[in-house]
ModelCIF file with pLDDT and N, C-alpha, C, O atoms, coordinates in Angstrom:
data_MODEL
#
_entry.id   MODEL 
#
_entity.id                         1 
_entity.type                       polymer 
_entity.pdbx_number_of_molecules   1 
#
_entity_poly.entity_id                      1 
_entity_poly.type                           'polypeptide(L)' 
_entity_poly.nstd_linkage                   no 
_entity_poly.nstd_monomer                   no 
_entity_poly.pdbx_seq_one_letter_code       ISRDNAKNTVYLQMTSLKPEDTAVYFCAAGL 
_entity_poly.pdbx_seq_one_letter_code_can   ISRDNAKNTVYLQMTSLKPEDTAVYFCAAGL 
_entity_poly.pdbx_strand_id                 A 
#
loop_
_entity_poly_seq.entity_id 
_entity_poly_seq.num 
_entity_poly_seq.mon_id 
_entity_poly_seq.hetero 
1 1  ILE n 
1 2  SER n 
1 3  ARG n 
1 4  ASP n 
1 5  ASN n 
1 6  ALA n 
1 7  LYS n 
1 8  ASN n 
1 9  THR n 
1 10 VAL n 
1 11 TYR n 
1 12 LEU n 
1 13 GLN n 
1 14 MET n 
1 15 THR n 
1 16 SER n 
1 17 LEU n 
1 18 LYS n 
1 19 PRO n 
1 20 GLU n 
1 21 ASP n 
1 22 THR n 
1 23 ALA n 
1 24 VAL n 
1 25 TYR n 
1 26 PHE n 
1 27 CYS n 
1 28 ALA n 
1 29 ALA n 
1 30 GLY n 
1 31 LEU n 
#
_struct_asym.id          A 
_struct_asym.entity_id   1 
#
loop_
_ma_qa_metric.id 
_ma_qa_metric.mode 
_ma_qa_metric.name 
_ma_qa_metric.software_group_id 
_ma_qa_metric.type 
1 global pLDDT . pLDDT 
2 local  pLDDT . pLDDT 
#
_ma_qa_metric_global.metric_id      1 
_ma_qa_metric_global.metric_value   95.00 
_ma_qa_metric_global.model_id       1 
_ma_qa_metric_global.ordinal_id     1 
#
loop_
_ma_qa_metric_local.label_asym_id 
_ma_qa_metric_local.label_comp_id 
_ma_qa_metric_local.label_seq_id 
_ma_qa_metric_local.metric_id 
_ma_qa_metric_local.metric_value 
_ma_qa_metric_local.model_id 
_ma_qa_metric_local.ordinal_id 
A ILE 1  2 98.00 1 1  
A SER 2  2 96.00 1 2  
A ARG 3  2 93.00 1 3  
A ASP 4  2 91.00 1 4  
A ASN 5  2 86.00 1 5  
A ALA 6  2 87.00 1 6  
A LYS 7  2 91.00 1 7  
A ASN 8  2 89.00 1 8  
A THR 9  2 94.00 1 9  
A VAL 10 2 96.00 1 10 
A TYR 11 2 98.00 1 11 
A LEU 12 2 98.00 1 12 
A GLN 13 2 98.00 1 13 
A MET 14 2 98.00 1 14 
A THR 15 2 98.00 1 15 
A SER 16 2 97.00 1 16 
A LEU 17 2 97.00 1 17 
A LYS 18 2 96.00 1 18 
A PRO 19 2 97.00 1 19 
A GLU 20 2 95.00 1 20 
A ASP 21 2 97.00 1 21 
A THR 22 2 98.00 1 22 
A ALA 23 2 98.00 1 23 
A VAL 24 2 98.00 1 24 
A TYR 25 2 98.00 1 25 
A PHE 26 2 98.00 1 26 
A CYS 27 2 97.00 1 27 
A ALA 28 2 96.00 1 28 
A ALA 29 2 94.00 1 29 
A GLY 30 2 91.00 1 30 
A LEU 31 2 87.00 1 31 
#
loop_
_atom_site.group_PDB 
_atom_site.id 
_atom_site.type_symbol 
_atom_site.label_atom_id 
_atom_site.label_alt_id 
_atom_site.label_comp_id 
_atom_site.label_asym_id 
_atom_site.label_entity_id 
_atom_site.label_seq_id 
_atom_site.pdbx_PDB_ins_code 
_atom_site.Cartn_x 
_atom_site.Cartn_y 
_atom_site.Cartn_z 
_atom_site.occupancy 
_atom_site.B_iso_or_equiv 
_atom_site.pdbx_formal_charge 
_atom_site.auth_seq_id 
_atom_site.auth_comp_id 
_atom_site.auth_asym_id 
_atom_site.auth_atom_id 
_atom_site.pdbx_PDB_model_num 
ATOM 1   N N  . ILE A 1 1  ? -15.448 -1.507 7.284  1.00 98.00 ? 1  ILE A N  1 
ATOM 2   C CA . ILE A 1 1  ? -15.142 -0.756 8.493  1.00 98.00 ? 1  ILE A CA 1 
ATOM 3   C C  . ILE A 1 1  ? -15.455 -1.615 9.709  1.00 98.00 ? 1  ILE A C  1 
ATOM 4   O O  . ILE A 1 1  ? -16.433 -2.362 9.713  1.00 98.00 ? 1  ILE A O  1 
ATOM 5   N N  . SER A 1 2  ? -14.631 -1.508 10.731 1.00 96.00 ? 2  SER A N  1 
ATOM 6   C CA . SER A 1 2  ? -14.859 -2.236 11.970 1.00 96.00 ? 2  SER A CA 1 
ATOM 7   C C  . SER A 1 2  ? -14.256 -1.453 13.123 1.00 96.00 ? 2  SER A C  1 
ATOM 8   O O  . SER A 1 2  ? -13.451 -0.545 12.914 1.00 96.00 ? 2  SER A O  1 
ATOM 9   N N  . ARG A 1 3  ? -14.646 -1.805 14.334 1.00 93.00 ? 3  ARG A N  1 
ATOM 10  C CA . ARG A 1 3  ? -14.060 -1.159 15.503 1.00 93.00 ? 3  ARG A CA 1 
ATOM 11  C C  . ARG A 1 3  ? -13.830 -2.183 16.599 1.00 93.00 ? 3  ARG A C  1 
ATOM 12  O O  . ARG A 1 3  ? -14.607 -3.121 16.777 1.00 93.00 ? 3  ARG A O  1 
ATOM 13  N N  . ASP A 1 4  ? -12.755 -1.982 17.317 1.00 91.00 ? 4  ASP A N  1 
ATOM 14  C CA . ASP A 1 4  ? -12.407 -2.793 18.467 1.00 91.00 ? 4  ASP A CA 1 
ATOM 15  C C  . ASP A 1 4  ? -12.509 -1.874 19.673 1.00 91.00 ? 4  ASP A C  1 
ATOM 16  O O  . ASP A 1 4  ? -11.594 -1.098 19.948 1.00 91.00 ? 4  ASP A O  1 
ATOM 17  N N  . ASN A 1 5  ? -13.614 -1.960 20.389 1.00 86.00 ? 5  ASN A N  1 
ATOM 18  C CA . ASN A 1 5  ? -13.851 -1.046 21.497 1.00 86.00 ? 5  ASN A CA 1 
ATOM 19  C C  . ASN A 1 5  ? -12.843 -1.237 22.632 1.00 86.00 ? 5  ASN A C  1 
ATOM 20  O O  . ASN A 1 5  ? -12.494 -0.275 23.317 1.00 86.00 ? 5  ASN A O  1 
ATOM 21  N N  . ALA A 1 6  ? -12.381 -2.454 22.831 1.00 87.00 ? 6  ALA A N  1 
ATOM 22  C CA . ALA A 1 6  ? -11.401 -2.719 23.874 1.00 87.00 ? 6  ALA A CA 1 
ATOM 23  C C  . ALA A 1 6  ? -10.072 -2.044 23.576 1.00 87.00 ? 6  ALA A C  1 
ATOM 24  O O  . ALA A 1 6  ? -9.360  -1.643 24.497 1.00 87.00 ? 6  ALA A O  1 
ATOM 25  N N  . LYS A 1 7  ? -9.730  -1.914 22.293 1.00 91.00 ? 7  LYS A N  1 
ATOM 26  C CA . LYS A 1 7  ? -8.482  -1.285 21.884 1.00 91.00 ? 7  LYS A CA 1 
ATOM 27  C C  . LYS A 1 7  ? -8.645  0.177  21.482 1.00 91.00 ? 7  LYS A C  1 
ATOM 28  O O  . LYS A 1 7  ? -7.667  0.837  21.134 1.00 91.00 ? 7  LYS A O  1 
ATOM 29  N N  . ASN A 1 8  ? -9.872  0.685  21.529 1.00 89.00 ? 8  ASN A N  1 
ATOM 30  C CA . ASN A 1 8  ? -10.152 2.063  21.107 1.00 89.00 ? 8  ASN A CA 1 
ATOM 31  C C  . ASN A 1 8  ? -9.625  2.334  19.704 1.00 89.00 ? 8  ASN A C  1 
ATOM 32  O O  . ASN A 1 8  ? -9.004  3.366  19.447 1.00 89.00 ? 8  ASN A O  1 
ATOM 33  N N  . THR A 1 9  ? -9.880  1.400  18.809 1.00 94.00 ? 9  THR A N  1 
ATOM 34  C CA . THR A 1 9  ? -9.332  1.471  17.469 1.00 94.00 ? 9  THR A CA 1 
ATOM 35  C C  . THR A 1 9  ? -10.400 1.158  16.428 1.00 94.00 ? 9  THR A C  1 
ATOM 36  O O  . THR A 1 9  ? -11.218 0.257  16.611 1.00 94.00 ? 9  THR A O  1 
ATOM 37  N N  . VAL A 1 10 ? -10.379 1.909  15.343 1.00 96.00 ? 10 VAL A N  1 
ATOM 38  C CA . VAL A 1 10 ? -11.259 1.695  14.194 1.00 96.00 ? 10 VAL A CA 1 
ATOM 39  C C  . VAL A 1 10 ? -10.398 1.323  12.999 1.00 96.00 ? 10 VAL A C  1 
ATOM 40  O O  . VAL A 1 10 ? -9.288  1.832  12.844 1.00 96.00 ? 10 VAL A O  1 
ATOM 41  N N  . TYR A 1 11 ? -10.908 0.434  12.155 1.00 98.00 ? 11 TYR A N  1 
ATOM 42  C CA . TYR A 1 11 ? -10.163 -0.041 11.005 1.00 98.00 ? 11 TYR A CA 1 
ATOM 43  C C  . TYR A 1 11 ? -10.944 0.186  9.719  1.00 98.00 ? 11 TYR A C  1 
ATOM 44  O O  . TYR A 1 11 ? -12.175 0.212  9.717  1.00 98.00 ? 11 TYR A O  1 
ATOM 45  N N  . LEU A 1 12 ? -10.220 0.347  8.647  1.00 98.00 ? 12 LEU A N  1 
ATOM 46  C CA . LEU A 1 12 ? -10.802 0.337  7.318  1.00 98.00 ? 12 LEU A CA 1 
ATOM 47  C C  . LEU A 1 12 ? -9.990  -0.639 6.482  1.00 98.00 ? 12 LEU A C  1 
ATOM 48  O O  . LEU A 1 12 ? -8.847  -0.359 6.121  1.00 98.00 ? 12 LEU A O  1 
ATOM 49  N N  . GLN A 1 13 ? -10.583 -1.780 6.177  1.00 98.00 ? 13 GLN A N  1 
ATOM 50  C CA . GLN A 1 13 ? -9.943  -2.785 5.351  1.00 98.00 ? 13 GLN A CA 1 
ATOM 51  C C  . GLN A 1 13 ? -10.325 -2.543 3.897  1.00 98.00 ? 13 GLN A C  1 
ATOM 52  O O  . GLN A 1 13 ? -11.504 -2.568 3.545  1.00 98.00 ? 13 GLN A O  1 
ATOM 53  N N  . MET A 1 14 ? -9.331  -2.310 3.062  1.00 98.00 ? 14 MET A N  1 
ATOM 54  C CA . MET A 1 14 ? -9.552  -1.959 1.673  1.00 98.00 ? 14 MET A CA 1 
ATOM 55  C C  . MET A 1 14 ? -8.987  -3.050 0.780  1.00 98.00 ? 14 MET A C  1 
ATOM 56  O O  . MET A 1 14 ? -7.842  -3.469 0.943  1.00 98.00 ? 14 MET A O  1 
ATOM 57  N N  . THR A 1 15 ? -9.796  -3.504 -0.162 1.00 98.00 ? 15 THR A N  1 
ATOM 58  C CA . THR A 1 15 ? -9.382  -4.523 -1.118 1.00 98.00 ? 15 THR A CA 1 
ATOM 59  C C  . THR A 1 15 ? -9.716  -4.061 -2.521 1.00 98.00 ? 15 THR A C  1 
ATOM 60  O O  . THR A 1 15 ? -10.460 -3.099 -2.714 1.00 98.00 ? 15 THR A O  1 
ATOM 61  N N  . SER A 1 16 ? -9.152  -4.764 -3.507 1.00 97.00 ? 16 SER A N  1 
ATOM 62  C CA . SER A 1 16 ? -9.395  -4.458 -4.920 1.00 97.00 ? 16 SER A CA 1 
ATOM 63  C C  . SER A 1 16 ? -9.205  -2.976 -5.211 1.00 97.00 ? 16 SER A C  1 
ATOM 64  O O  . SER A 1 16 ? -10.055 -2.343 -5.837 1.00 97.00 ? 16 SER A O  1 
ATOM 65  N N  . LEU A 1 17 ? -8.107  -2.441 -4.763 1.00 97.00 ? 17 LEU A N  1 
ATOM 66  C CA . LEU A 1 17 ? -7.871  -1.009 -4.854 1.00 97.00 ? 17 LEU A CA 1 
ATOM 67  C C  . LEU A 1 17 ? -7.698  -0.556 -6.300 1.00 97.00 ? 17 LEU A C  1 
ATOM 68  O O  . LEU A 1 17 ? -7.110  -1.255 -7.126 1.00 97.00 ? 17 LEU A O  1 
ATOM 69  N N  . LYS A 1 18 ? -8.221  0.622  -6.578 1.00 96.00 ? 18 LYS A N  1 
ATOM 70  C CA . LYS A 1 18 ? -8.202  1.228  -7.899 1.00 96.00 ? 18 LYS A CA 1 
ATOM 71  C C  . LYS A 1 18 ? -7.466  2.560  -7.844 1.00 96.00 ? 18 LYS A C  1 
ATOM 72  O O  . LYS A 1 18 ? -7.343  3.149  -6.771 1.00 96.00 ? 18 LYS A O  1 
ATOM 73  N N  . PRO A 1 19 ? -6.975  3.045  -8.986 1.00 97.00 ? 19 PRO A N  1 
ATOM 74  C CA . PRO A 1 19 ? -6.306  4.355  -8.979 1.00 97.00 ? 19 PRO A CA 1 
ATOM 75  C C  . PRO A 1 19 ? -7.181  5.470  -8.415 1.00 97.00 ? 19 PRO A C  1 
ATOM 76  O O  . PRO A 1 19 ? -6.663  6.384  -7.775 1.00 97.00 ? 19 PRO A O  1 
ATOM 77  N N  . GLU A 1 20 ? -8.487  5.419  -8.635 1.00 95.00 ? 20 GLU A N  1 
ATOM 78  C CA . GLU A 1 20 ? -9.378  6.443  -8.126 1.00 95.00 ? 20 GLU A CA 1 
ATOM 79  C C  . GLU A 1 20 ? -9.542  6.405  -6.610 1.00 95.00 ? 20 GLU A C  1 
ATOM 80  O O  . GLU A 1 20 ? -10.161 7.299  -6.033 1.00 95.00 ? 20 GLU A O  1 
ATOM 81  N N  . ASP A 1 21 ? -8.999  5.386  -5.964 1.00 97.00 ? 21 ASP A N  1 
ATOM 82  C CA . ASP A 1 21 ? -8.982  5.343  -4.506 1.00 97.00 ? 21 ASP A CA 1 
ATOM 83  C C  . ASP A 1 21 ? -7.861  6.191  -3.918 1.00 97.00 ? 21 ASP A C  1 
ATOM 84  O O  . ASP A 1 21 ? -7.806  6.386  -2.703 1.00 97.00 ? 21 ASP A O  1 
ATOM 85  N N  . THR A 1 22 ? -6.976  6.692  -4.754 1.00 98.00 ? 22 THR A N  1 
ATOM 86  C CA . THR A 1 22 ? -5.874  7.522  -4.289 1.00 98.00 ? 22 THR A CA 1 
ATOM 87  C C  . THR A 1 22 ? -6.404  8.793  -3.647 1.00 98.00 ? 22 THR A C  1 
ATOM 88  O O  . THR A 1 22 ? -7.136  9.556  -4.277 1.00 98.00 ? 22 THR A O  1 
ATOM 89  N N  . ALA A 1 23 ? -6.034  9.018  -2.397 1.00 98.00 ? 23 ALA A N  1 
ATOM 90  C CA . ALA A 1 23 ? -6.530  10.165 -1.643 1.00 98.00 ? 23 ALA A CA 1 
ATOM 91  C C  . ALA A 1 23 ? -5.882  10.173 -0.270 1.00 98.00 ? 23 ALA A C  1 
ATOM 92  O O  . ALA A 1 23 ? -5.187  9.232  0.115  1.00 98.00 ? 23 ALA A O  1 
ATOM 93  N N  . VAL A 1 24 ? -6.124  11.251 0.459  1.00 98.00 ? 24 VAL A N  1 
ATOM 94  C CA . VAL A 1 24 ? -5.816  11.278 1.881  1.00 98.00 ? 24 VAL A CA 1 
ATOM 95  C C  . VAL A 1 24 ? -7.030  10.754 2.622  1.00 98.00 ? 24 VAL A C  1 
ATOM 96  O O  . VAL A 1 24 ? -8.145  11.231 2.409  1.00 98.00 ? 24 VAL A O  1 
ATOM 97  N N  . TYR A 1 25 ? -6.825  9.789  3.479  1.00 98.00 ? 25 TYR A N  1 
ATOM 98  C CA . TYR A 1 25 ? -7.914  9.155  4.215  1.00 98.00 ? 25 TYR A CA 1 
ATOM 99  C C  . TYR A 1 25 ? -7.938  9.665  5.647  1.00 98.00 ? 25 TYR A C  1 
ATOM 100 O O  . TYR A 1 25 ? -6.911  9.708  6.324  1.00 98.00 ? 25 TYR A O  1 
ATOM 101 N N  . PHE A 1 26 ? -9.135  10.053 6.099  1.00 98.00 ? 26 PHE A N  1 
ATOM 102 C CA . PHE A 1 26 ? -9.317  10.644 7.414  1.00 98.00 ? 26 PHE A CA 1 
ATOM 103 C C  . PHE A 1 26 ? -10.254 9.804  8.267  1.00 98.00 ? 26 PHE A C  1 
ATOM 104 O O  . PHE A 1 26 ? -11.264 9.291  7.787  1.00 98.00 ? 26 PHE A O  1 
ATOM 105 N N  . CYS A 1 27 ? -9.910  9.676  9.514  1.00 97.00 ? 27 CYS A N  1 
ATOM 106 C CA . CYS A 1 27 ? -10.776 9.098  10.525 1.00 97.00 ? 27 CYS A CA 1 
ATOM 107 C C  . CYS A 1 27 ? -11.479 10.230 11.265 1.00 97.00 ? 27 CYS A C  1 
ATOM 108 O O  . CYS A 1 27 ? -10.888 11.285 11.493 1.00 97.00 ? 27 CYS A O  1 
ATOM 109 N N  . ALA A 1 28 ? -12.743 10.016 11.643 1.00 96.00 ? 28 ALA A N  1 
ATOM 110 C CA . ALA A 1 28 ? -13.501 11.045 12.341 1.00 96.00 ? 28 ALA A CA 1 
ATOM 111 C C  . ALA A 1 28 ? -14.400 10.428 13.398 1.00 96.00 ? 28 ALA A C  1 
ATOM 112 O O  . ALA A 1 28 ? -14.775 9.259  13.304 1.00 96.00 ? 28 ALA A O  1 
ATOM 113 N N  . ALA A 1 29 ? -14.743 11.221 14.405 1.00 94.00 ? 29 ALA A N  1 
ATOM 114 C CA . ALA A 1 29 ? -15.623 10.794 15.486 1.00 94.00 ? 29 ALA A CA 1 
ATOM 115 C C  . ALA A 1 29 ? -16.714 11.827 15.688 1.00 94.00 ? 29 ALA A C  1 
ATOM 116 O O  . ALA A 1 29 ? -16.459 13.030 15.627 1.00 94.00 ? 29 ALA A O  1 
ATOM 117 N N  . GLY A 1 30 ? -17.939 11.352 15.930 1.00 91.00 ? 30 GLY A N  1 
ATOM 118 C CA . GLY A 1 30 ? -19.040 12.261 16.143 1.00 91.00 ? 30 GLY A CA 1 
ATOM 119 C C  . GLY A 1 30 ? -20.084 11.724 17.090 1.00 91.00 ? 30 GLY A C  1 
ATOM 120 O O  . GLY A 1 30 ? -20.276 10.513 17.202 1.00 91.00 ? 30 GLY A O  1 
ATOM 121 N N  . LEU A 1 31 ? -20.760 12.636 17.775 1.00 87.00 ? 31 LEU A N  1 
ATOM 122 C CA . LEU A 1 31 ? -21.902 12.312 18.620 1.00 87.00 ? 31 LEU A CA 1 
ATOM 123 C C  . LEU A 1 31 ? -23.146 12.720 17.863 1.00 87.00 ? 31 LEU A C  1 
ATOM 124 O O  . LEU A 1 31 ? -24.257 12.551 18.364 1.00 87.00 ? 31 LEU A O  1 
#
């Protein structure tokens, strides 16, 4: 996981993906 504050963007880089990684992926923000 990483974030680029200048671009207001968060990333999730996924490698070595497996069938059990199949899902709906959600981004969230919290204070």
